[in-house]
Amino acid sequence: MSQDSRNTEHPSSRPGAEPVDKAAPDAEAPAEEDLAAAFVRETEVIEEAVENGKKVRRKGIYLLPNLFTTSALFAGFFAIVAGINGDFTAAAVAIFIAMVLDGLDGRVARMTNTQSAFGAEYDSLSDMLSFGAAPALVAFTWILQDIGKTGWVVAFLYVACAALRLARFNVQIGSVDKKWFIGLPSPSAAALVAASVWTFHSFDAEAFGFKLLMLVIVGAAGVLMVSNIRYYSFKDIDLKGPVPFVVLLAIVLGFVVISVQPSVMLLLLFGAYVASGPVMAAMRKVKHAPPGA
C-alpha cells in the first residue's frame, strides 16, 4: 500500500491534521436526554391531594376524564368556527355535543376515582368556552349583529354572566345543597340559546321580531345564570337502583319525540327547565306569603 493510500485512509496521520474525535456524536446523546428530562420535569403537574386521610403530593394528570373534557372543549371551539362560517345548525349541534361530553367527564372521574384539582380547573375553562363564548358568538354571528351595538352588548353580557356563574360555582362547591343549583347552570343556558338558534334558523325566522326575541333569550339566560334562583340539579337521582318499567318506556318515547323535530323539542325541553326556576321561586313566595298580604 502506498503512502498516499495510507494518508487517505488515516487522515490523522498526516502532519498538521486535526485528530478525529470519534466519541463526539455519542457525547451529544446524554445532553439531549437531559434536555428532554428537564422539559418533562419543568412542565409536570404537581398537586396536593388527600389520600387515606393524609396529604400527598401527586404528580401527573388522569388521562380518561381529561379526554372527555378536551373533547367538550373541541366541540365548543368547533361551534364557534361553524358559526363564523354560517353553518348554524352544525354550531348548535356541537354545543349540545359539548354538553353531553361535559356531563360525562365528571361522572367518569367519580366512577374511576380519578378526581383532581387540575381536572376541575380544566373543566371550568372548557365550560367557559363551550357554554359561555360559543353560544354568545353563534347567536351574534347569526342574528344579533343585525341589531347593532345592542346586539354585541347583550352577547357580552351573556359571556360575562357565564364567567361569573362558573367562578361562583367553583367557590361554592361543598357549601350548598347538591340537590339544587344556585342560578341557571351554564350548560342549560347554552342549550337554550343553541336550540333557539337551531330552531329559528331552520325556519328562516329572521324578521325583526325574532331578532328582538333572541335578544331577550340571550340576555335573560345570562341574567338567570348569576341570579339566586334555585334549579333542580337531578344529582339525587339513583341511576344504579331499580326503576319501574314505565320509566324506561317514557325515556324511549322521549327519544322518539325528540327525533321527530330535534330543534323544536330541545327548545321546548330546555325552555321548560329554564322557566321552572322562576316559576317555582314565585310559587314558594306565594306559599310563604303572610295571609292577607
C-alpha atoms as a PDB file:
ATOM      1  CA  MET A   1       0.000   0.000   0.000  1.00  0.00           C
ATOM      2  CA  SER A   2       1.406   3.406  -0.944  1.00  0.00           C
ATOM      3  CA  GLN A   3       1.949   6.288   1.408  1.00  0.00           C
ATOM      4  CA  ASP A   4      -0.773   8.271  -0.350  1.00  0.00           C
ATOM      5  CA  SER A   5      -3.222   5.468   0.250  1.00  0.00           C
ATOM      6  CA  ARG A   6      -2.291   5.276   3.913  1.00  0.00           C
ATOM      7  CA  ASN A   7      -2.738   9.068   4.238  1.00  0.00           C
ATOM      8  CA  THR A   8      -6.153   8.821   2.625  1.00  0.00           C
ATOM      9  CA  GLU A   9      -7.305   6.070   4.955  1.00  0.00           C
ATOM     10  CA  HIS A  10      -5.800   7.688   8.056  1.00  0.00           C
ATOM     11  CA  PRO A  11      -6.055  11.488   7.782  1.00  0.00           C
ATOM     12  CA  SER A  12      -4.889  11.922  11.348  1.00  0.00           C
ATOM     13  CA  SER A  13      -1.520  10.511  10.449  1.00  0.00           C
ATOM     14  CA  ARG A  14      -0.754  13.453   8.180  1.00  0.00           C
ATOM     15  CA  PRO A  15       1.379  16.193   9.707  1.00  0.00           C
ATOM     16  CA  GLY A  16      -0.799  19.033  10.964  1.00  0.00           C
ATOM     17  CA  ALA A  17      -4.051  17.102  10.615  1.00  0.00           C
ATOM     18  CA  GLU A  18      -6.593  17.553  13.417  1.00  0.00           C
ATOM     19  CA  PRO A  19      -7.407  14.389  15.338  1.00  0.00           C
ATOM     20  CA  VAL A  20     -10.882  12.968  14.773  1.00  0.00           C
ATOM     21  CA  ASP A  21     -12.984  12.719  17.917  1.00  0.00           C
ATOM     22  CA  LYS A  22     -14.929   9.556  17.294  1.00  0.00           C
ATOM     23  CA  ALA A  23     -16.824   9.932  20.578  1.00  0.00           C
ATOM     24  CA  ALA A  24     -18.234  13.371  19.695  1.00  0.00           C
ATOM     25  CA  PRO A  25     -21.566  12.156  18.250  1.00  0.00           C
ATOM     26  CA  ASP A  26     -22.136   9.951  21.268  1.00  0.00           C
ATOM     27  CA  ALA A  27     -21.298  12.806  23.622  1.00  0.00           C
ATOM     28  CA  GLU A  28     -24.349  14.721  22.405  1.00  0.00           C
ATOM     29  CA  ALA A  29     -26.820  11.957  23.324  1.00  0.00           C
ATOM     30  CA  PRO A  30     -26.765  12.489  27.110  1.00  0.00           C
ATOM     31  CA  ALA A  31     -27.305  16.231  26.572  1.00  0.00           C
ATOM     32  CA  GLU A  32     -30.427  15.508  24.513  1.00  0.00           C
ATOM     33  CA  GLU A  33     -31.725  13.132  27.158  1.00  0.00           C
ATOM     34  CA  ASP A  34     -31.077  15.676  29.887  1.00  0.00           C
ATOM     35  CA  LEU A  35     -32.975  18.332  27.917  1.00  0.00           C
ATOM     36  CA  ALA A  36     -35.962  16.039  27.475  1.00  0.00           C
ATOM     37  CA  ALA A  37     -35.928  15.067  31.134  1.00  0.00           C
ATOM     38  CA  ALA A  38     -35.717  18.712  32.165  1.00  0.00           C
ATOM     39  CA  PHE A  39     -38.681  19.581  29.937  1.00  0.00           C
ATOM     40  CA  VAL A  40     -40.793  16.804  31.448  1.00  0.00           C
ATOM     41  CA  ARG A  41     -39.782  17.815  34.972  1.00  0.00           C
ATOM     42  CA  GLU A  42     -40.460  21.527  34.478  1.00  0.00           C
ATOM     43  CA  THR A  43     -43.855  21.013  32.814  1.00  0.00           C
ATOM     44  CA  GLU A  44     -45.079  18.338  35.220  1.00  0.00           C
ATOM     45  CA  VAL A  45     -48.328  18.986  37.086  1.00  0.00           C
ATOM     46  CA  ILE A  46     -47.927  18.564  40.847  1.00  0.00           C
ATOM     47  CA  GLU A  47     -50.840  18.978  43.209  1.00  0.00           C
ATOM     48  CA  GLU A  48     -51.639  18.163  46.804  1.00  0.00           C
ATOM     49  CA  ALA A  49     -54.355  15.605  47.428  1.00  0.00           C
ATOM     50  CA  VAL A  50     -55.804  13.805  50.439  1.00  0.00           C
ATOM     51  CA  GLU A  51     -55.487  10.022  50.276  1.00  0.00           C
ATOM     52  CA  ASN A  52     -56.451   7.832  53.235  1.00  0.00           C
ATOM     53  CA  GLY A  53     -56.646  10.920  55.427  1.00  0.00           C
ATOM     54  CA  LYS A  54     -53.110  12.052  54.596  1.00  0.00           C
ATOM     55  CA  LYS A  55     -51.880  14.854  52.369  1.00  0.00           C
ATOM     56  CA  VAL A  56     -49.761  13.635  49.500  1.00  0.00           C
ATOM     57  CA  ARG A  57     -48.055  15.351  46.562  1.00  0.00           C
ATOM     58  CA  ARG A  58     -49.281  13.780  43.359  1.00  0.00           C
ATOM     59  CA  LYS A  59     -47.545  14.111  40.000  1.00  0.00           C
ATOM     60  CA  GLY A  60     -49.216  13.882  36.602  1.00  0.00           C
ATOM     61  CA  ILE A  61     -52.834  14.053  35.465  1.00  0.00           C
ATOM     62  CA  TYR A  62     -55.533  11.470  34.886  1.00  0.00           C
ATOM     63  CA  LEU A  63     -55.979  10.822  31.174  1.00  0.00           C
ATOM     64  CA  LEU A  64     -59.513   9.405  30.852  1.00  0.00           C
ATOM     65  CA  PRO A  65     -61.662  12.216  32.332  1.00  0.00           C
ATOM     66  CA  ASN A  66     -59.473  14.882  30.740  1.00  0.00           C
ATOM     67  CA  LEU A  67     -60.010  13.273  27.338  1.00  0.00           C
ATOM     68  CA  PHE A  68     -63.742  13.911  27.728  1.00  0.00           C
ATOM     69  CA  THR A  69     -63.039  17.482  28.809  1.00  0.00           C
ATOM     70  CA  THR A  70     -60.779  18.015  25.809  1.00  0.00           C
ATOM     71  CA  SER A  71     -63.469  16.622  23.522  1.00  0.00           C
ATOM     72  CA  ALA A  72     -66.005  19.039  25.007  1.00  0.00           C
ATOM     73  CA  LEU A  73     -63.520  21.883  24.501  1.00  0.00           C
ATOM     74  CA  PHE A  74     -63.060  20.856  20.875  1.00  0.00           C
ATOM     75  CA  ALA A  75     -66.837  20.744  20.330  1.00  0.00           C
ATOM     76  CA  GLY A  76     -67.199  24.252  21.753  1.00  0.00           C
ATOM     77  CA  PHE A  77     -64.428  25.597  19.527  1.00  0.00           C
ATOM     78  CA  PHE A  78     -65.955  23.844  16.524  1.00  0.00           C
ATOM     79  CA  ALA A  79     -69.271  25.554  17.287  1.00  0.00           C
ATOM     80  CA  ILE A  80     -67.551  28.956  17.092  1.00  0.00           C
ATOM     81  CA  VAL A  81     -65.869  28.090  13.793  1.00  0.00           C
ATOM     82  CA  ALA A  82     -69.111  26.718  12.329  1.00  0.00           C
ATOM     83  CA  GLY A  83     -70.967  29.868  13.391  1.00  0.00           C
ATOM     84  CA  ILE A  84     -68.361  32.095  11.744  1.00  0.00           C
ATOM     85  CA  ASN A  85     -68.703  30.025   8.563  1.00  0.00           C
ATOM     86  CA  GLY A  86     -72.502  30.395   8.623  1.00  0.00           C
ATOM     87  CA  ASP A  87     -73.285  26.742   9.441  1.00  0.00           C
ATOM     88  CA  PHE A  88     -75.540  27.475  12.404  1.00  0.00           C
ATOM     89  CA  THR A  89     -77.161  24.036  12.548  1.00  0.00           C
ATOM     90  CA  ALA A  90     -73.759  22.376  12.981  1.00  0.00           C
ATOM     91  CA  ALA A  91     -72.795  25.039  15.533  1.00  0.00           C
ATOM     92  CA  ALA A  92     -75.902  24.352  17.632  1.00  0.00           C
ATOM     93  CA  VAL A  93     -75.403  20.577  17.439  1.00  0.00           C
ATOM     94  CA  ALA A  94     -71.762  20.989  18.512  1.00  0.00           C
ATOM     95  CA  ILE A  95     -72.863  22.877  21.634  1.00  0.00           C
ATOM     96  CA  PHE A  96     -75.215  20.017  22.547  1.00  0.00           C
ATOM     97  CA  ILE A  97     -72.397  17.516  21.986  1.00  0.00           C
ATOM     98  CA  ALA A  98     -70.186  19.578  24.285  1.00  0.00           C
ATOM     99  CA  MET A  99     -72.980  19.488  26.844  1.00  0.00           C
ATOM    100  CA  VAL A 100     -73.127  15.673  26.742  1.00  0.00           C
ATOM    101  CA  LEU A 101     -69.349  15.326  26.989  1.00  0.00           C
ATOM    102  CA  ASP A 102     -69.243  17.812  29.874  1.00  0.00           C
ATOM    103  CA  GLY A 103     -71.711  15.664  31.765  1.00  0.00           C
ATOM    104  CA  LEU A 104     -69.621  12.559  31.165  1.00  0.00           C
ATOM    105  CA  ASP A 105     -66.204  13.791  32.306  1.00  0.00           C
ATOM    106  CA  GLY A 106     -67.286  14.346  35.894  1.00  0.00           C
ATOM    107  CA  ARG A 107     -69.157  11.055  36.090  1.00  0.00           C
ATOM    108  CA  VAL A 108     -66.217   9.171  34.618  1.00  0.00           C
ATOM    109  CA  ALA A 109     -63.873  10.806  37.129  1.00  0.00           C
ATOM    110  CA  ARG A 110     -66.111   9.792  40.042  1.00  0.00           C
ATOM    111  CA  MET A 111     -66.653   6.251  38.745  1.00  0.00           C
ATOM    112  CA  THR A 112     -62.928   5.657  38.234  1.00  0.00           C
ATOM    113  CA  ASN A 113     -61.871   7.642  41.322  1.00  0.00           C
ATOM    114  CA  THR A 114     -59.752   9.986  39.203  1.00  0.00           C
ATOM    115  CA  GLN A 115     -60.937  13.364  40.505  1.00  0.00           C
ATOM    116  CA  SER A 116     -58.281  16.052  40.708  1.00  0.00           C
ATOM    117  CA  ALA A 117     -57.939  19.799  41.163  1.00  0.00           C
ATOM    118  CA  PHE A 118     -56.381  20.030  37.702  1.00  0.00           C
ATOM    119  CA  GLY A 119     -59.391  18.276  36.177  1.00  0.00           C
ATOM    120  CA  ALA A 120     -61.812  20.627  37.939  1.00  0.00           C
ATOM    121  CA  GLU A 121     -59.986  23.733  36.705  1.00  0.00           C
ATOM    122  CA  TYR A 122     -59.632  22.351  33.185  1.00  0.00           C
ATOM    123  CA  ASP A 123     -63.342  21.516  33.112  1.00  0.00           C
ATOM    124  CA  SER A 124     -64.236  25.041  34.225  1.00  0.00           C
ATOM    125  CA  LEU A 125     -62.131  26.606  31.467  1.00  0.00           C
ATOM    126  CA  SER A 126     -63.668  24.255  28.920  1.00  0.00           C
ATOM    127  CA  ASP A 127     -67.150  25.243  30.119  1.00  0.00           C
ATOM    128  CA  MET A 128     -66.275  28.910  29.691  1.00  0.00           C
ATOM    129  CA  LEU A 129     -65.558  28.351  26.010  1.00  0.00           C
ATOM    130  CA  SER A 130     -68.304  25.825  25.240  1.00  0.00           C
ATOM    131  CA  PHE A 131     -71.134  27.342  27.274  1.00  0.00           C
ATOM    132  CA  GLY A 132     -70.019  30.953  27.593  1.00  0.00           C
ATOM    133  CA  ALA A 133     -68.246  32.203  24.481  1.00  0.00           C
ATOM    134  CA  ALA A 134     -69.615  29.718  21.922  1.00  0.00           C
ATOM    135  CA  PRO A 135     -73.385  30.328  22.380  1.00  0.00           C
ATOM    136  CA  ALA A 136     -72.936  34.095  22.515  1.00  0.00           C
ATOM    137  CA  LEU A 137     -70.772  34.181  19.375  1.00  0.00           C
ATOM    138  CA  VAL A 138     -73.070  31.819  17.462  1.00  0.00           C
ATOM    139  CA  ALA A 139     -76.134  33.922  18.347  1.00  0.00           C
ATOM    140  CA  PHE A 140     -74.272  37.127  17.498  1.00  0.00           C
ATOM    141  CA  THR A 141     -72.964  35.946  14.116  1.00  0.00           C
ATOM    142  CA  TRP A 142     -76.414  34.643  13.173  1.00  0.00           C
ATOM    143  CA  ILE A 143     -78.783  37.452  14.111  1.00  0.00           C
ATOM    144  CA  LEU A 144     -77.680  39.713  16.971  1.00  0.00           C
ATOM    145  CA  GLN A 145     -75.162  41.537  14.798  1.00  0.00           C
ATOM    146  CA  ASP A 146     -78.093  42.887  12.765  1.00  0.00           C
ATOM    147  CA  ILE A 147     -79.245  44.868  15.808  1.00  0.00           C
ATOM    148  CA  GLY A 148     -76.006  46.804  16.007  1.00  0.00           C
ATOM    149  CA  LYS A 149     -74.373  47.857  19.257  1.00  0.00           C
ATOM    150  CA  THR A 150     -77.178  46.433  21.392  1.00  0.00           C
ATOM    151  CA  GLY A 151     -76.563  43.005  19.885  1.00  0.00           C
ATOM    152  CA  TRP A 152     -72.904  42.709  20.848  1.00  0.00           C
ATOM    153  CA  VAL A 153     -73.520  44.307  24.256  1.00  0.00           C
ATOM    154  CA  VAL A 154     -76.109  41.629  25.086  1.00  0.00           C
ATOM    155  CA  ALA A 155     -73.785  38.926  23.732  1.00  0.00           C
ATOM    156  CA  PHE A 156     -71.017  40.226  26.007  1.00  0.00           C
ATOM    157  CA  LEU A 157     -73.466  40.313  28.926  1.00  0.00           C
ATOM    158  CA  TYR A 158     -74.091  36.620  28.402  1.00  0.00           C
ATOM    159  CA  VAL A 159     -70.350  35.830  28.288  1.00  0.00           C
ATOM    160  CA  ALA A 160     -69.649  37.885  31.423  1.00  0.00           C
ATOM    161  CA  CYS A 161     -72.512  36.248  33.313  1.00  0.00           C
ATOM    162  CA  ALA A 162     -71.275  32.795  32.299  1.00  0.00           C
ATOM    163  CA  ALA A 163     -67.810  33.617  33.661  1.00  0.00           C
ATOM    164  CA  LEU A 164     -69.285  34.925  36.921  1.00  0.00           C
ATOM    165  CA  ARG A 165     -71.556  31.889  37.201  1.00  0.00           C
ATOM    166  CA  LEU A 166     -68.648  29.468  36.805  1.00  0.00           C
ATOM    167  CA  ALA A 167     -66.454  31.386  39.267  1.00  0.00           C
ATOM    168  CA  ARG A 168     -69.220  31.420  41.869  1.00  0.00           C
ATOM    169  CA  PHE A 169     -69.925  27.735  41.345  1.00  0.00           C
ATOM    170  CA  ASN A 170     -66.254  26.861  41.884  1.00  0.00           C
ATOM    171  CA  VAL A 171     -66.049  28.651  45.232  1.00  0.00           C
ATOM    172  CA  GLN A 172     -69.404  27.296  46.449  1.00  0.00           C
ATOM    173  CA  ILE A 173     -68.578  23.617  45.892  1.00  0.00           C
ATOM    174  CA  GLY A 174     -69.256  21.732  49.100  1.00  0.00           C
ATOM    175  CA  SER A 175     -71.125  24.613  50.764  1.00  0.00           C
ATOM    176  CA  VAL A 176     -74.511  24.307  49.011  1.00  0.00           C
ATOM    177  CA  ASP A 177     -77.163  21.624  48.764  1.00  0.00           C
ATOM    178  CA  LYS A 178     -76.223  19.304  45.888  1.00  0.00           C
ATOM    179  CA  LYS A 179     -79.907  18.858  45.093  1.00  0.00           C
ATOM    180  CA  TRP A 180     -80.083  22.417  43.753  1.00  0.00           C
ATOM    181  CA  PHE A 181     -78.087  24.735  41.537  1.00  0.00           C
ATOM    182  CA  ILE A 182     -77.924  28.370  42.587  1.00  0.00           C
ATOM    183  CA  GLY A 183     -78.615  30.156  39.333  1.00  0.00           C
ATOM    184  CA  LEU A 184     -79.193  28.635  35.914  1.00  0.00           C
ATOM    185  CA  PRO A 185     -76.406  26.148  35.058  1.00  0.00           C
ATOM    186  CA  SER A 186     -74.274  27.353  32.176  1.00  0.00           C
ATOM    187  CA  PRO A 187     -74.832  24.186  30.063  1.00  0.00           C
ATOM    188  CA  SER A 188     -78.600  24.692  30.277  1.00  0.00           C
ATOM    189  CA  ALA A 189     -78.270  28.371  29.371  1.00  0.00           C
ATOM    190  CA  ALA A 190     -76.107  27.407  26.388  1.00  0.00           C
ATOM    191  CA  ALA A 191     -78.625  24.728  25.380  1.00  0.00           C
ATOM    192  CA  LEU A 192     -81.449  27.275  25.407  1.00  0.00           C
ATOM    193  CA  VAL A 193     -79.515  29.699  23.186  1.00  0.00           C
ATOM    194  CA  ALA A 194     -78.295  26.919  20.850  1.00  0.00           C
ATOM    195  CA  ALA A 195     -81.774  25.390  20.500  1.00  0.00           C
ATOM    196  CA  SER A 196     -83.233  28.832  19.757  1.00  0.00           C
ATOM    197  CA  VAL A 197     -80.654  29.482  17.032  1.00  0.00           C
ATOM    198  CA  TRP A 198     -81.152  25.992  15.610  1.00  0.00           C
ATOM    199  CA  THR A 199     -84.968  26.270  15.567  1.00  0.00           C
ATOM    200  CA  PHE A 200     -85.340  29.816  14.281  1.00  0.00           C
ATOM    201  CA  HIS A 201     -82.609  29.358  11.685  1.00  0.00           C
ATOM    202  CA  SER A 202     -84.235  26.137  10.430  1.00  0.00           C
ATOM    203  CA  PHE A 203     -87.488  28.018   9.834  1.00  0.00           C
ATOM    204  CA  ASP A 204     -85.704  31.064   8.340  1.00  0.00           C
ATOM    205  CA  ALA A 205     -87.158  33.189  11.113  1.00  0.00           C
ATOM    206  CA  GLU A 206     -85.122  36.349  10.630  1.00  0.00           C
ATOM    207  CA  ALA A 207     -87.803  39.010  10.964  1.00  0.00           C
ATOM    208  CA  PHE A 208     -87.190  41.922  13.327  1.00  0.00           C
ATOM    209  CA  GLY A 209     -89.466  40.331  15.919  1.00  0.00           C
ATOM    210  CA  PHE A 210     -87.284  37.238  16.085  1.00  0.00           C
ATOM    211  CA  LYS A 211     -84.207  39.424  16.430  1.00  0.00           C
ATOM    212  CA  LEU A 212     -85.750  41.038  19.495  1.00  0.00           C
ATOM    213  CA  LEU A 213     -86.778  37.609  20.789  1.00  0.00           C
ATOM    214  CA  MET A 214     -83.208  36.311  20.511  1.00  0.00           C
ATOM    215  CA  LEU A 215     -82.016  39.463  22.246  1.00  0.00           C
ATOM    216  CA  VAL A 216     -84.350  38.700  25.162  1.00  0.00           C
ATOM    217  CA  ILE A 217     -83.422  34.993  25.250  1.00  0.00           C
ATOM    218  CA  VAL A 218     -79.673  35.619  25.322  1.00  0.00           C
ATOM    219  CA  GLY A 219     -79.953  38.423  27.879  1.00  0.00           C
ATOM    220  CA  ALA A 220     -82.368  36.510  30.123  1.00  0.00           C
ATOM    221  CA  ALA A 221     -80.215  33.364  30.027  1.00  0.00           C
ATOM    222  CA  GLY A 222     -77.219  35.432  31.115  1.00  0.00           C
ATOM    223  CA  VAL A 223     -79.033  37.143  33.980  1.00  0.00           C
ATOM    224  CA  LEU A 224     -80.542  33.871  35.222  1.00  0.00           C
ATOM    225  CA  MET A 225     -77.061  32.329  35.453  1.00  0.00           C
ATOM    226  CA  VAL A 226     -75.994  34.893  38.072  1.00  0.00           C
ATOM    227  CA  SER A 227     -79.346  35.017  39.867  1.00  0.00           C
ATOM    228  CA  ASN A 228     -80.092  33.337  43.203  1.00  0.00           C
ATOM    229  CA  ILE A 229     -82.961  31.323  41.711  1.00  0.00           C
ATOM    230  CA  ARG A 230     -82.671  27.631  42.508  1.00  0.00           C
ATOM    231  CA  TYR A 231     -82.742  24.973  39.797  1.00  0.00           C
ATOM    232  CA  TYR A 232     -83.148  21.257  40.352  1.00  0.00           C
ATOM    233  CA  SER A 233     -79.794  19.510  39.750  1.00  0.00           C
ATOM    234  CA  PHE A 234     -81.042  15.903  39.267  1.00  0.00           C
ATOM    235  CA  LYS A 235     -77.988  14.762  41.285  1.00  0.00           C
ATOM    236  CA  ASP A 236     -80.090  12.901  43.828  1.00  0.00           C
ATOM    237  CA  ILE A 237     -81.445  10.502  41.211  1.00  0.00           C
ATOM    238  CA  ASP A 238     -80.183   6.968  41.833  1.00  0.00           C
ATOM    239  CA  LEU A 239     -79.116   5.609  38.452  1.00  0.00           C
ATOM    240  CA  LYS A 240     -77.934   2.309  39.956  1.00  0.00           C
ATOM    241  CA  GLY A 241     -81.186   1.360  41.654  1.00  0.00           C
ATOM    242  CA  PRO A 242     -84.144  -0.451  40.030  1.00  0.00           C
ATOM    243  CA  VAL A 243     -86.916   1.639  38.484  1.00  0.00           C
ATOM    244  CA  PRO A 244     -90.406   0.770  37.228  1.00  0.00           C
ATOM    245  CA  PHE A 245     -90.630  -0.426  33.633  1.00  0.00           C
ATOM    246  CA  VAL A 246     -92.735   2.603  32.715  1.00  0.00           C
ATOM    247  CA  VAL A 247     -89.718   4.855  33.363  1.00  0.00           C
ATOM    248  CA  LEU A 248     -87.712   3.159  30.622  1.00  0.00           C
ATOM    249  CA  LEU A 249     -90.745   3.316  28.351  1.00  0.00           C
ATOM    250  CA  ALA A 250     -91.052   7.060  28.978  1.00  0.00           C
ATOM    251  CA  ILE A 251     -87.357   7.548  28.120  1.00  0.00           C
ATOM    252  CA  VAL A 252     -87.786   5.638  24.844  1.00  0.00           C
ATOM    253  CA  LEU A 253     -90.852   7.731  23.960  1.00  0.00           C
ATOM    254  CA  GLY A 254     -88.878  10.854  24.799  1.00  0.00           C
ATOM    255  CA  PHE A 255     -86.167   9.906  22.306  1.00  0.00           C
ATOM    256  CA  VAL A 256     -88.829   9.214  19.672  1.00  0.00           C
ATOM    257  CA  VAL A 257     -90.495  12.582  20.203  1.00  0.00           C
ATOM    258  CA  ILE A 258     -87.172  14.452  20.098  1.00  0.00           C
ATOM    259  CA  SER A 259     -86.123  12.677  16.891  1.00  0.00           C
ATOM    260  CA  VAL A 260     -89.267  13.926  15.086  1.00  0.00           C
ATOM    261  CA  GLN A 261     -88.131  17.557  15.262  1.00  0.00           C
ATOM    262  CA  PRO A 262     -84.955  17.765  17.368  1.00  0.00           C
ATOM    263  CA  SER A 263     -84.517  21.532  17.357  1.00  0.00           C
ATOM    264  CA  VAL A 264     -88.099  22.303  18.390  1.00  0.00           C
ATOM    265  CA  MET A 265     -88.270  19.553  21.019  1.00  0.00           C
ATOM    266  CA  LEU A 266     -84.944  20.526  22.579  1.00  0.00           C
ATOM    267  CA  LEU A 267     -86.061  24.164  22.653  1.00  0.00           C
ATOM    268  CA  LEU A 268     -89.285  23.198  24.438  1.00  0.00           C
ATOM    269  CA  LEU A 269     -87.409  20.905  26.847  1.00  0.00           C
ATOM    270  CA  PHE A 270     -84.763  23.398  27.907  1.00  0.00           C
ATOM    271  CA  GLY A 271     -87.187  26.286  27.725  1.00  0.00           C
ATOM    272  CA  ALA A 272     -89.328  24.470  30.290  1.00  0.00           C
ATOM    273  CA  TYR A 273     -86.303  23.833  32.512  1.00  0.00           C
ATOM    274  CA  VAL A 274     -85.202  27.480  32.335  1.00  0.00           C
ATOM    275  CA  ALA A 275     -88.725  28.629  33.168  1.00  0.00           C
ATOM    276  CA  SER A 276     -89.038  26.133  36.033  1.00  0.00           C
ATOM    277  CA  GLY A 277     -86.691  28.143  38.264  1.00  0.00           C
ATOM    278  CA  PRO A 278     -88.615  31.450  38.261  1.00  0.00           C
ATOM    279  CA  VAL A 279     -91.966  29.600  38.374  1.00  0.00           C
ATOM    280  CA  MET A 280     -91.021  27.557  41.460  1.00  0.00           C
ATOM    281  CA  ALA A 281     -89.498  30.641  43.099  1.00  0.00           C
ATOM    282  CA  ALA A 282     -92.783  32.523  42.572  1.00  0.00           C
ATOM    283  CA  MET A 283     -94.778  29.580  43.946  1.00  0.00           C
ATOM    284  CA  ARG A 284     -92.610  29.419  47.068  1.00  0.00           C
ATOM    285  CA  LYS A 285     -93.004  33.149  47.571  1.00  0.00           C
ATOM    286  CA  VAL A 286     -96.781  32.911  47.302  1.00  0.00           C
ATOM    287  CA  LYS A 287     -96.870  29.894  49.622  1.00  0.00           C
ATOM    288  CA  HIS A 288     -94.877  31.624  52.345  1.00  0.00           C
ATOM    289  CA  ALA A 289     -96.591  34.994  51.977  1.00  0.00           C
ATOM    290  CA  PRO A 290     -98.455  36.074  55.144  1.00  0.00           C
ATOM    291  CA  PRO A 291    -102.262  35.827  54.932  1.00  0.00           C
ATOM    292  CA  GLY A 292    -103.908  38.971  53.649  1.00  0.00           C
ATOM    293  CA  ALA A 293    -100.677  40.288  52.091  1.00  0.00           C
END
